[in-house]
Amino acid sequence: MLTRREVLATGTAFTGYALSVETVLAQAIKTDTDGLVAGDDKISVAGFDVPVYEARPAGGSHHPIVLVISEIWGVHEYIRDSTRRFAKAGYYAIAPELFAREGGVAQIPNVQDVLKIVLAQKREQTLGDLKAAVDWAKTRPGVAAGKVGVTGWCWGGSTVYQEAAANPDIKAAVAWYGPPARPYQGASGPVTGFDLAKDIKVPFLGLYGARDQNPKPEDAQKFGEMLKQNGNKNVEIVIYPESGHGFHADYRPSYNKADADDAWTRCTGWFAKNLKG
């Protein structure tokens, strides 16, 4: 097992990972671009160029859109790889770099300094950039512009709640271990996922670990019940007994392959059911 700094020192293939990720494991999945069109681009949002990474099948048409929301580390190699995995499954996937205005976070070595940037970011800015990414995605080749899903991990998972409640283009949502109690600083005060449960009407799948402390499984269950109580009839909450936080993050010690594989099958199946029909 190598620490992030040892990885940099050895000049291995792991240099695409965020600097503040202390441990990068050699088991990290690497998805090729065979049969895909993938790469970086930029979207102009209020005069600022927001970087995005996109991936889609090289052929075919009417590919549903999956908006991919990163962890606190931004669009580093794990997020890019996951974006390619969605493309391999037949989706147009796009991952916007939501911390670009602050200069990005991938090069910051201290996770506490990363968190200062992430937690101070205004909710309106995050949602505005996500909306711009969806609007741009709808113009890309081969997409099904009316079929948009959203997914994300950790901070990205809790951002899924925000996006699913705010953007009417979203037709399905899958959140990976995002704390519903996490506050997003808005113009009228902090807004949590719990605050938004009444507004999330799209099919919702939540994937969580029973050994996680943020969110605790009780919070995940409570959030699912709140969605149902507010009239959402298409809600599924899955809690994996043997997993903690970050069980899908294949580059980290938290990775649980069996649960990650099962959750990925559920995620892509959820999108297939709700976006490809």
C-alpha atoms as a PDB file:
ATOM      1  CA  MET A   1       0.000   0.000   0.000  1.00  0.00           C
ATOM      2  CA  LEU A   2       1.418   3.368  -1.034  1.00  0.00           C
ATOM      3  CA  THR A   3       0.602   6.733   0.448  1.00  0.00           C
ATOM      4  CA  ARG A   4      -0.314   9.467  -1.998  1.00  0.00           C
ATOM      5  CA  ARG A   5       3.081  11.120  -1.494  1.00  0.00           C
ATOM      6  CA  GLU A   6       4.935   7.868  -2.108  1.00  0.00           C
ATOM      7  CA  VAL A   7       2.925   7.451  -5.292  1.00  0.00           C
ATOM      8  CA  LEU A   8       4.032  10.888  -6.494  1.00  0.00           C
ATOM      9  CA  ALA A   9       7.627  10.180  -5.558  1.00  0.00           C
ATOM     10  CA  THR A  10       7.716   6.947  -7.523  1.00  0.00           C
ATOM     11  CA  GLY A  11       6.108   8.492 -10.586  1.00  0.00           C
ATOM     12  CA  THR A  12       3.644   5.639 -11.024  1.00  0.00           C
ATOM     13  CA  ALA A  13       0.401   5.679 -12.977  1.00  0.00           C
ATOM     14  CA  PHE A  14      -1.550   7.054 -10.018  1.00  0.00           C
ATOM     15  CA  THR A  15      -0.714  10.711 -10.574  1.00  0.00           C
ATOM     16  CA  GLY A  16      -4.292  11.440 -11.678  1.00  0.00           C
ATOM     17  CA  TYR A  17      -5.512  11.188  -8.097  1.00  0.00           C
ATOM     18  CA  ALA A  18      -6.062  14.148  -5.804  1.00  0.00           C
ATOM     19  CA  LEU A  19      -3.021  15.094  -3.732  1.00  0.00           C
ATOM     20  CA  SER A  20      -4.845  15.033  -0.392  1.00  0.00           C
ATOM     21  CA  VAL A  21      -5.902  11.407  -0.870  1.00  0.00           C
ATOM     22  CA  GLU A  22      -3.358   9.820   1.451  1.00  0.00           C
ATOM     23  CA  THR A  23      -3.635   6.262   0.173  1.00  0.00           C
ATOM     24  CA  VAL A  24      -3.997   5.103  -3.425  1.00  0.00           C
ATOM     25  CA  LEU A  25      -4.243   1.351  -3.892  1.00  0.00           C
ATOM     26  CA  ALA A  26      -2.910  -0.566  -6.869  1.00  0.00           C
ATOM     27  CA  GLN A  27      -6.283  -2.313  -7.121  1.00  0.00           C
ATOM     28  CA  ALA A  28      -7.840   0.870  -8.545  1.00  0.00           C
ATOM     29  CA  ILE A  29      -9.964   0.031 -11.570  1.00  0.00           C
ATOM     30  CA  LYS A  30      -8.805   1.376 -14.922  1.00  0.00           C
ATOM     31  CA  THR A  31     -11.437   1.638 -17.639  1.00  0.00           C
ATOM     32  CA  ASP A  32     -10.179   2.113 -21.203  1.00  0.00           C
ATOM     33  CA  THR A  33     -11.730   4.278 -23.887  1.00  0.00           C
ATOM     34  CA  ASP A  34     -12.221   1.513 -26.459  1.00  0.00           C
ATOM     35  CA  GLY A  35     -15.570   2.129 -28.130  1.00  0.00           C
ATOM     36  CA  LEU A  36     -15.913   5.500 -26.413  1.00  0.00           C
ATOM     37  CA  VAL A  37     -15.482   9.165 -27.134  1.00  0.00           C
ATOM     38  CA  ALA A  38     -14.033  10.697 -23.975  1.00  0.00           C
ATOM     39  CA  GLY A  39     -12.162  13.825 -23.013  1.00  0.00           C
ATOM     40  CA  ASP A  40     -12.036  17.241 -21.408  1.00  0.00           C
ATOM     41  CA  ASP A  41     -13.995  20.332 -22.385  1.00  0.00           C
ATOM     42  CA  LYS A  42     -15.162  23.606 -20.868  1.00  0.00           C
ATOM     43  CA  ILE A  43     -18.548  25.231 -20.367  1.00  0.00           C
ATOM     44  CA  SER A  44     -18.944  28.976 -20.044  1.00  0.00           C
ATOM     45  CA  VAL A  45     -21.012  29.830 -16.969  1.00  0.00           C
ATOM     46  CA  ALA A  46     -21.507  33.527 -16.207  1.00  0.00           C
ATOM     47  CA  GLY A  47     -18.199  34.341 -17.873  1.00  0.00           C
ATOM     48  CA  PHE A  48     -16.233  31.561 -16.184  1.00  0.00           C
ATOM     49  CA  ASP A  49     -15.062  28.409 -17.974  1.00  0.00           C
ATOM     50  CA  VAL A  50     -16.065  25.366 -15.925  1.00  0.00           C
ATOM     51  CA  PRO A  51     -13.992  22.299 -16.880  1.00  0.00           C
ATOM     52  CA  VAL A  52     -15.913  19.080 -17.553  1.00  0.00           C
ATOM     53  CA  TYR A  53     -14.963  15.525 -18.357  1.00  0.00           C
ATOM     54  CA  GLU A  54     -17.323  13.657 -20.667  1.00  0.00           C
ATOM     55  CA  ALA A  55     -17.572  10.113 -22.004  1.00  0.00           C
ATOM     56  CA  ARG A  56     -20.079   8.493 -24.355  1.00  0.00           C
ATOM     57  CA  PRO A  57     -20.384   5.499 -26.656  1.00  0.00           C
ATOM     58  CA  ALA A  58     -18.699   6.142 -30.005  1.00  0.00           C
ATOM     59  CA  GLY A  59     -21.743   4.873 -31.866  1.00  0.00           C
ATOM     60  CA  GLY A  60     -25.493   4.788 -31.545  1.00  0.00           C
ATOM     61  CA  SER A  61     -27.928   7.460 -30.434  1.00  0.00           C
ATOM     62  CA  HIS A  62     -30.475   8.330 -27.756  1.00  0.00           C
ATOM     63  CA  HIS A  63     -28.020   7.709 -24.944  1.00  0.00           C
ATOM     64  CA  PRO A  64     -29.464   8.919 -21.614  1.00  0.00           C
ATOM     65  CA  ILE A  65     -27.415  11.513 -19.761  1.00  0.00           C
ATOM     66  CA  VAL A  66     -25.830  10.787 -16.393  1.00  0.00           C
ATOM     67  CA  LEU A  67     -24.603  13.796 -14.431  1.00  0.00           C
ATOM     68  CA  VAL A  68     -21.656  12.582 -12.322  1.00  0.00           C
ATOM     69  CA  ILE A  69     -20.884  14.523  -9.123  1.00  0.00           C
ATOM     70  CA  SER A  70     -17.503  14.085  -7.499  1.00  0.00           C
ATOM     71  CA  GLU A  71     -16.383  13.651  -3.926  1.00  0.00           C
ATOM     72  CA  ILE A  72     -14.617  16.573  -2.218  1.00  0.00           C
ATOM     73  CA  TRP A  73     -11.526  15.853  -4.339  1.00  0.00           C
ATOM     74  CA  GLY A  74     -13.060  17.049  -7.576  1.00  0.00           C
ATOM     75  CA  VAL A  75     -12.783  15.346 -10.942  1.00  0.00           C
ATOM     76  CA  HIS A  76      -9.719  13.216 -10.274  1.00  0.00           C
ATOM     77  CA  GLU A  77      -8.947   9.835 -11.844  1.00  0.00           C
ATOM     78  CA  TYR A  78     -11.556   7.825  -9.927  1.00  0.00           C
ATOM     79  CA  ILE A  79     -14.336  10.145 -11.105  1.00  0.00           C
ATOM     80  CA  ARG A  80     -13.045  10.088 -14.669  1.00  0.00           C
ATOM     81  CA  ASP A  81     -12.888   6.318 -14.599  1.00  0.00           C
ATOM     82  CA  SER A  82     -16.420   6.071 -13.218  1.00  0.00           C
ATOM     83  CA  THR A  83     -17.594   8.422 -15.966  1.00  0.00           C
ATOM     84  CA  ARG A  84     -16.100   6.056 -18.541  1.00  0.00           C
ATOM     85  CA  ARG A  85     -17.835   3.126 -16.832  1.00  0.00           C
ATOM     86  CA  PHE A  86     -21.197   4.801 -17.358  1.00  0.00           C
ATOM     87  CA  ALA A  87     -20.312   5.355 -21.011  1.00  0.00           C
ATOM     88  CA  LYS A  88     -19.431   1.653 -21.353  1.00  0.00           C
ATOM     89  CA  ALA A  89     -22.926   0.923 -19.987  1.00  0.00           C
ATOM     90  CA  GLY A  90     -24.519   2.981 -22.767  1.00  0.00           C
ATOM     91  CA  TYR A  91     -24.833   6.435 -21.220  1.00  0.00           C
ATOM     92  CA  TYR A  92     -23.515   9.868 -22.026  1.00  0.00           C
ATOM     93  CA  ALA A  93     -21.794  10.818 -18.761  1.00  0.00           C
ATOM     94  CA  ILE A  94     -20.501  14.215 -17.731  1.00  0.00           C
ATOM     95  CA  ALA A  95     -18.526  15.229 -14.633  1.00  0.00           C
ATOM     96  CA  PRO A  96     -18.171  18.993 -14.016  1.00  0.00           C
ATOM     97  CA  GLU A  97     -15.278  20.350 -11.941  1.00  0.00           C
ATOM     98  CA  LEU A  98     -17.313  22.161  -9.315  1.00  0.00           C
ATOM     99  CA  PHE A  99     -14.376  23.689  -7.422  1.00  0.00           C
ATOM    100  CA  ALA A 100     -12.678  25.322 -10.408  1.00  0.00           C
ATOM    101  CA  ARG A 101     -13.542  28.887  -9.408  1.00  0.00           C
ATOM    102  CA  GLU A 102     -11.517  28.405  -6.256  1.00  0.00           C
ATOM    103  CA  GLY A 103      -8.567  27.175  -8.292  1.00  0.00           C
ATOM    104  CA  GLY A 104      -9.450  23.498  -7.918  1.00  0.00           C
ATOM    105  CA  VAL A 105      -8.648  21.171  -5.033  1.00  0.00           C
ATOM    106  CA  ALA A 106      -6.697  18.307  -6.618  1.00  0.00           C
ATOM    107  CA  GLN A 107      -3.328  19.986  -5.949  1.00  0.00           C
ATOM    108  CA  ILE A 108      -4.036  20.803  -2.272  1.00  0.00           C
ATOM    109  CA  PRO A 109      -2.169  18.355   0.007  1.00  0.00           C
ATOM    110  CA  ASN A 110      -4.180  18.900   3.207  1.00  0.00           C
ATOM    111  CA  VAL A 111      -7.730  17.560   3.378  1.00  0.00           C
ATOM    112  CA  GLN A 112      -8.721  20.216   5.940  1.00  0.00           C
ATOM    113  CA  ASP A 113      -7.811  22.927   3.436  1.00  0.00           C
ATOM    114  CA  VAL A 114      -9.855  21.117   0.796  1.00  0.00           C
ATOM    115  CA  LEU A 115     -12.843  21.023   3.151  1.00  0.00           C
ATOM    116  CA  LYS A 116     -12.609  24.755   3.808  1.00  0.00           C
ATOM    117  CA  ILE A 117     -13.164  25.368   0.092  1.00  0.00           C
ATOM    118  CA  VAL A 118     -15.858  22.724  -0.353  1.00  0.00           C
ATOM    119  CA  LEU A 119     -17.938  23.636   2.695  1.00  0.00           C
ATOM    120  CA  ALA A 120     -17.767  27.390   2.017  1.00  0.00           C
ATOM    121  CA  GLN A 121     -19.035  27.041  -1.537  1.00  0.00           C
ATOM    122  CA  LYS A 122     -22.442  28.584  -2.086  1.00  0.00           C
ATOM    123  CA  ARG A 123     -25.319  26.281  -2.904  1.00  0.00           C
ATOM    124  CA  GLU A 124     -26.447  28.558  -5.739  1.00  0.00           C
ATOM    125  CA  GLN A 125     -23.033  28.335  -7.415  1.00  0.00           C
ATOM    126  CA  THR A 126     -22.975  24.548  -7.214  1.00  0.00           C
ATOM    127  CA  LEU A 127     -26.502  24.182  -8.556  1.00  0.00           C
ATOM    128  CA  GLY A 128     -25.848  26.743 -11.284  1.00  0.00           C
ATOM    129  CA  ASP A 129     -22.796  24.867 -12.537  1.00  0.00           C
ATOM    130  CA  LEU A 130     -24.667  21.554 -12.426  1.00  0.00           C
ATOM    131  CA  LYS A 131     -27.561  23.008 -14.406  1.00  0.00           C
ATOM    132  CA  ALA A 132     -25.136  24.409 -16.967  1.00  0.00           C
ATOM    133  CA  ALA A 133     -23.519  20.968 -17.299  1.00  0.00           C
ATOM    134  CA  VAL A 134     -26.901  19.349 -17.932  1.00  0.00           C
ATOM    135  CA  ASP A 135     -27.930  22.047 -20.423  1.00  0.00           C
ATOM    136  CA  TRP A 136     -24.656  21.571 -22.311  1.00  0.00           C
ATOM    137  CA  ALA A 137     -24.924  17.782 -22.180  1.00  0.00           C
ATOM    138  CA  LYS A 138     -28.331  17.961 -23.880  1.00  0.00           C
ATOM    139  CA  THR A 139     -26.622  19.484 -26.955  1.00  0.00           C
ATOM    140  CA  ARG A 140     -23.979  16.769 -27.299  1.00  0.00           C
ATOM    141  CA  PRO A 141     -23.973  14.140 -30.078  1.00  0.00           C
ATOM    142  CA  GLY A 142     -26.103  11.045 -29.660  1.00  0.00           C
ATOM    143  CA  VAL A 143     -27.821  11.979 -26.418  1.00  0.00           C
ATOM    144  CA  ALA A 144     -31.421  11.530 -25.335  1.00  0.00           C
ATOM    145  CA  ALA A 145     -31.863  15.117 -24.153  1.00  0.00           C
ATOM    146  CA  GLY A 146     -35.046  14.422 -22.214  1.00  0.00           C
ATOM    147  CA  LYS A 147     -33.580  11.586 -20.141  1.00  0.00           C
ATOM    148  CA  VAL A 148     -31.226  12.849 -17.443  1.00  0.00           C
ATOM    149  CA  GLY A 149     -30.078  11.072 -14.298  1.00  0.00           C
ATOM    150  CA  VAL A 150     -27.774  12.208 -11.519  1.00  0.00           C
ATOM    151  CA  THR A 151     -25.367  10.317  -9.287  1.00  0.00           C
ATOM    152  CA  GLY A 152     -22.495  11.069  -6.943  1.00  0.00           C
ATOM    153  CA  TRP A 153     -20.369   9.786  -4.078  1.00  0.00           C
ATOM    154  CA  CYS A 154     -19.880  11.186  -0.549  1.00  0.00           C
ATOM    155  CA  TRP A 155     -20.100  15.011  -0.959  1.00  0.00           C
ATOM    156  CA  GLY A 156     -21.366  14.266  -4.447  1.00  0.00           C
ATOM    157  CA  GLY A 157     -23.949  11.940  -2.935  1.00  0.00           C
ATOM    158  CA  SER A 158     -25.355  14.666  -0.702  1.00  0.00           C
ATOM    159  CA  THR A 159     -25.212  17.042  -3.672  1.00  0.00           C
ATOM    160  CA  VAL A 160     -27.473  14.579  -5.508  1.00  0.00           C
ATOM    161  CA  TYR A 161     -30.223  15.495  -3.023  1.00  0.00           C
ATOM    162  CA  GLN A 162     -29.744  19.170  -3.812  1.00  0.00           C
ATOM    163  CA  GLU A 163     -29.765  18.647  -7.575  1.00  0.00           C
ATOM    164  CA  ALA A 164     -32.677  16.195  -7.642  1.00  0.00           C
ATOM    165  CA  ALA A 165     -34.794  18.689  -5.710  1.00  0.00           C
ATOM    166  CA  ALA A 166     -33.805  21.747  -7.749  1.00  0.00           C
ATOM    167  CA  ASN A 167     -33.437  20.715 -11.400  1.00  0.00           C
ATOM    168  CA  PRO A 168     -36.644  19.654 -13.190  1.00  0.00           C
ATOM    169  CA  ASP A 169     -34.574  18.020 -15.953  1.00  0.00           C
ATOM    170  CA  ILE A 170     -33.517  15.244 -13.556  1.00  0.00           C
ATOM    171  CA  LYS A 171     -35.594  12.094 -14.092  1.00  0.00           C
ATOM    172  CA  ALA A 172     -33.776   9.648 -11.778  1.00  0.00           C
ATOM    173  CA  ALA A 173     -31.261   9.900  -8.939  1.00  0.00           C
ATOM    174  CA  VAL A 174     -28.738   7.564  -7.317  1.00  0.00           C
ATOM    175  CA  ALA A 175     -26.874   8.778  -4.213  1.00  0.00           C
ATOM    176  CA  TRP A 176     -23.861   6.957  -2.802  1.00  0.00           C
ATOM    177  CA  TYR A 177     -23.408   7.437   0.961  1.00  0.00           C
ATOM    178  CA  GLY A 178     -24.130  11.156   0.961  1.00  0.00           C
ATOM    179  CA  PRO A 179     -25.038  12.544   4.393  1.00  0.00           C
ATOM    180  CA  PRO A 180     -28.582  13.983   4.187  1.00  0.00           C
ATOM    181  CA  ALA A 181     -27.818  16.200   7.184  1.00  0.00           C
ATOM    182  CA  ARG A 182     -24.946  17.965   5.378  1.00  0.00           C
ATOM    183  CA  PRO A 183     -25.750  21.694   5.121  1.00  0.00           C
ATOM    184  CA  TYR A 184     -25.231  23.620   1.888  1.00  0.00           C
ATOM    185  CA  GLN A 185     -24.798  27.341   2.461  1.00  0.00           C
ATOM    186  CA  GLY A 186     -27.490  29.201   0.549  1.00  0.00           C
ATOM    187  CA  ALA A 187     -28.673  32.777   0.216  1.00  0.00           C
ATOM    188  CA  SER A 188     -31.415  32.129   2.772  1.00  0.00           C
ATOM    189  CA  GLY A 189     -29.331  29.977   5.102  1.00  0.00           C
ATOM    190  CA  PRO A 190     -28.138  26.380   5.162  1.00  0.00           C
ATOM    191  CA  VAL A 191     -30.126  23.730   3.275  1.00  0.00           C
ATOM    192  CA  THR A 192     -29.827  19.997   4.028  1.00  0.00           C
ATOM    193  CA  GLY A 193     -31.073  16.926   2.234  1.00  0.00           C
ATOM    194  CA  PHE A 194     -33.646  16.483   4.988  1.00  0.00           C
ATOM    195  CA  ASP A 195     -34.944  19.976   4.194  1.00  0.00           C
ATOM    196  CA  LEU A 196     -35.395  18.953   0.558  1.00  0.00           C
ATOM    197  CA  ALA A 197     -37.063  15.570   1.042  1.00  0.00           C
ATOM    198  CA  LYS A 198     -40.434  17.126   0.246  1.00  0.00           C
ATOM    199  CA  ASP A 199     -39.148  18.302  -3.143  1.00  0.00           C
ATOM    200  CA  ILE A 200     -37.543  15.089  -4.452  1.00  0.00           C
ATOM    201  CA  LYS A 201     -40.191  13.410  -6.587  1.00  0.00           C
ATOM    202  CA  VAL A 202     -38.017  11.492  -9.059  1.00  0.00           C
ATOM    203  CA  PRO A 203     -37.152   7.783  -8.657  1.00  0.00           C
ATOM    204  CA  PHE A 204     -34.497   7.691  -5.937  1.00  0.00           C
ATOM    205  CA  LEU A 205     -31.963   4.990  -5.064  1.00  0.00           C
ATOM    206  CA  GLY A 206     -29.712   5.434  -2.027  1.00  0.00           C
ATOM    207  CA  LEU A 207     -26.649   3.237  -1.445  1.00  0.00           C
ATOM    208  CA  TYR A 208     -25.141   3.247   2.041  1.00  0.00           C
ATOM    209  CA  GLY A 209     -22.886   1.313   4.419  1.00  0.00           C
ATOM    210  CA  ALA A 210     -24.108   0.057   7.788  1.00  0.00           C
ATOM    211  CA  ARG A 211     -20.696   0.788   9.319  1.00  0.00           C
ATOM    212  CA  ASP A 212     -20.657   4.382   8.083  1.00  0.00           C
ATOM    213  CA  GLN A 213     -20.756   7.151  10.666  1.00  0.00           C
ATOM    214  CA  ASN A 214     -21.489   9.995   8.226  1.00  0.00           C
ATOM    215  CA  PRO A 215     -24.172   9.257   7.270  1.00  0.00           C
ATOM    216  CA  LYS A 216     -25.172   6.750   9.889  1.00  0.00           C
ATOM    217  CA  PRO A 217     -27.570   4.098   8.554  1.00  0.00           C
ATOM    218  CA  GLU A 218     -30.310   5.594  10.718  1.00  0.00           C
ATOM    219  CA  ASP A 219     -30.036   8.851   8.764  1.00  0.00           C
ATOM    220  CA  ALA A 220     -30.203   6.985   5.459  1.00  0.00           C
ATOM    221  CA  GLN A 221     -33.347   5.142   6.558  1.00  0.00           C
ATOM    222  CA  LYS A 222     -34.902   8.337   7.903  1.00  0.00           C
ATOM    223  CA  PHE A 223     -34.245  10.127   4.616  1.00  0.00           C
ATOM    224  CA  GLY A 224     -35.867   7.338   2.603  1.00  0.00           C
ATOM    225  CA  GLU A 225     -38.914   7.377   4.862  1.00  0.00           C
ATOM    226  CA  MET A 226     -39.221  11.144   4.513  1.00  0.00           C
ATOM    227  CA  LEU A 227     -39.202  10.831   0.717  1.00  0.00           C
ATOM    228  CA  LYS A 228     -41.989   8.265   0.885  1.00  0.00           C
ATOM    229  CA  GLN A 229     -44.001  10.284   3.391  1.00  0.00           C
ATOM    230  CA  ASN A 230     -43.853  13.228   0.994  1.00  0.00           C
ATOM    231  CA  GLY A 231     -45.387  11.205  -1.824  1.00  0.00           C
ATOM    232  CA  ASN A 232     -42.397   9.717  -3.655  1.00  0.00           C
ATOM    233  CA  LYS A 233     -43.533   6.191  -4.491  1.00  0.00           C
ATOM    234  CA  ASN A 234     -40.285   5.131  -6.176  1.00  0.00           C
ATOM    235  CA  VAL A 235     -37.686   5.022  -3.418  1.00  0.00           C
ATOM    236  CA  GLU A 236     -35.187   2.310  -2.572  1.00  0.00           C
ATOM    237  CA  ILE A 237     -32.652   2.507   0.254  1.00  0.00           C
ATOM    238  CA  VAL A 238     -29.942  -0.167   0.303  1.00  0.00           C
ATOM    239  CA  ILE A 239     -27.689  -0.515   3.349  1.00  0.00           C
ATOM    240  CA  TYR A 240     -24.749  -2.914   3.079  1.00  0.00           C
ATOM    241  CA  PRO A 241     -24.070  -4.591   6.455  1.00  0.00           C
ATOM    242  CA  GLU A 242     -20.331  -5.129   5.909  1.00  0.00           C
ATOM    243  CA  SER A 243     -19.429  -1.749   4.415  1.00  0.00           C
ATOM    244  CA  GLY A 244     -18.529   1.655   5.755  1.00  0.00           C
ATOM    245  CA  HIS A 245     -18.114   4.989   4.010  1.00  0.00           C
ATOM    246  CA  GLY A 246     -16.525   5.033   0.562  1.00  0.00           C
ATOM    247  CA  PHE A 247     -17.120   1.367  -0.233  1.00  0.00           C
ATOM    248  CA  HIS A 248     -17.201   2.083  -3.978  1.00  0.00           C
ATOM    249  CA  ALA A 249     -13.908   4.038  -3.950  1.00  0.00           C
ATOM    250  CA  ASP A 250     -11.692   1.334  -5.445  1.00  0.00           C
ATOM    251  CA  TYR A 251      -8.509   3.361  -4.907  1.00  0.00           C
ATOM    252  CA  ARG A 252      -8.998   3.573  -1.116  1.00  0.00           C
ATOM    253  CA  PRO A 253      -8.821   1.078   1.785  1.00  0.00           C
ATOM    254  CA  SER A 254     -12.572   1.571   2.345  1.00  0.00           C
ATOM    255  CA  TYR A 255     -13.304  -0.316  -0.908  1.00  0.00           C
ATOM    256  CA  ASN A 256     -15.530  -3.374  -0.608  1.00  0.00           C
ATOM    257  CA  LYS A 257     -15.508  -5.090  -3.991  1.00  0.00           C
ATOM    258  CA  ALA A 258     -18.546  -7.294  -3.472  1.00  0.00           C
ATOM    259  CA  ASP A 259     -20.730  -4.436  -2.281  1.00  0.00           C
ATOM    260  CA  ALA A 260     -19.300  -2.006  -4.839  1.00  0.00           C
ATOM    261  CA  ASP A 261     -20.095  -4.430  -7.661  1.00  0.00           C
ATOM    262  CA  ASP A 262     -23.606  -5.055  -6.376  1.00  0.00           C
ATOM    263  CA  ALA A 263     -24.257  -1.341  -5.898  1.00  0.00           C
ATOM    264  CA  TRP A 264     -22.955  -0.536  -9.395  1.00  0.00           C
ATOM    265  CA  THR A 265     -25.334  -3.121 -10.862  1.00  0.00           C
ATOM    266  CA  ARG A 266     -28.175  -1.557  -8.903  1.00  0.00           C
ATOM    267  CA  CYS A 267     -27.169   1.951  -9.994  1.00  0.00           C
ATOM    268  CA  THR A 268     -26.975   1.196 -13.701  1.00  0.00           C
ATOM    269  CA  GLY A 269     -30.124  -0.912 -13.416  1.00  0.00           C
ATOM    270  CA  TRP A 270     -31.938   2.009 -11.791  1.00  0.00           C
ATOM    271  CA  PHE A 271     -30.962   4.285 -14.633  1.00  0.00           C
ATOM    272  CA  ALA A 272     -31.864   1.642 -17.225  1.00  0.00           C
ATOM    273  CA  LYS A 273     -35.304   1.227 -15.688  1.00  0.00           C
ATOM    274  CA  ASN A 274     -36.033   4.928 -15.329  1.00  0.00           C
ATOM    275  CA  LEU A 275     -34.155   6.498 -18.246  1.00  0.00           C
ATOM    276  CA  LYS A 276     -34.016   3.924 -21.015  1.00  0.00           C
ATOM    277  CA  GLY A 277     -37.664   2.863 -21.013  1.00  0.00           C
END
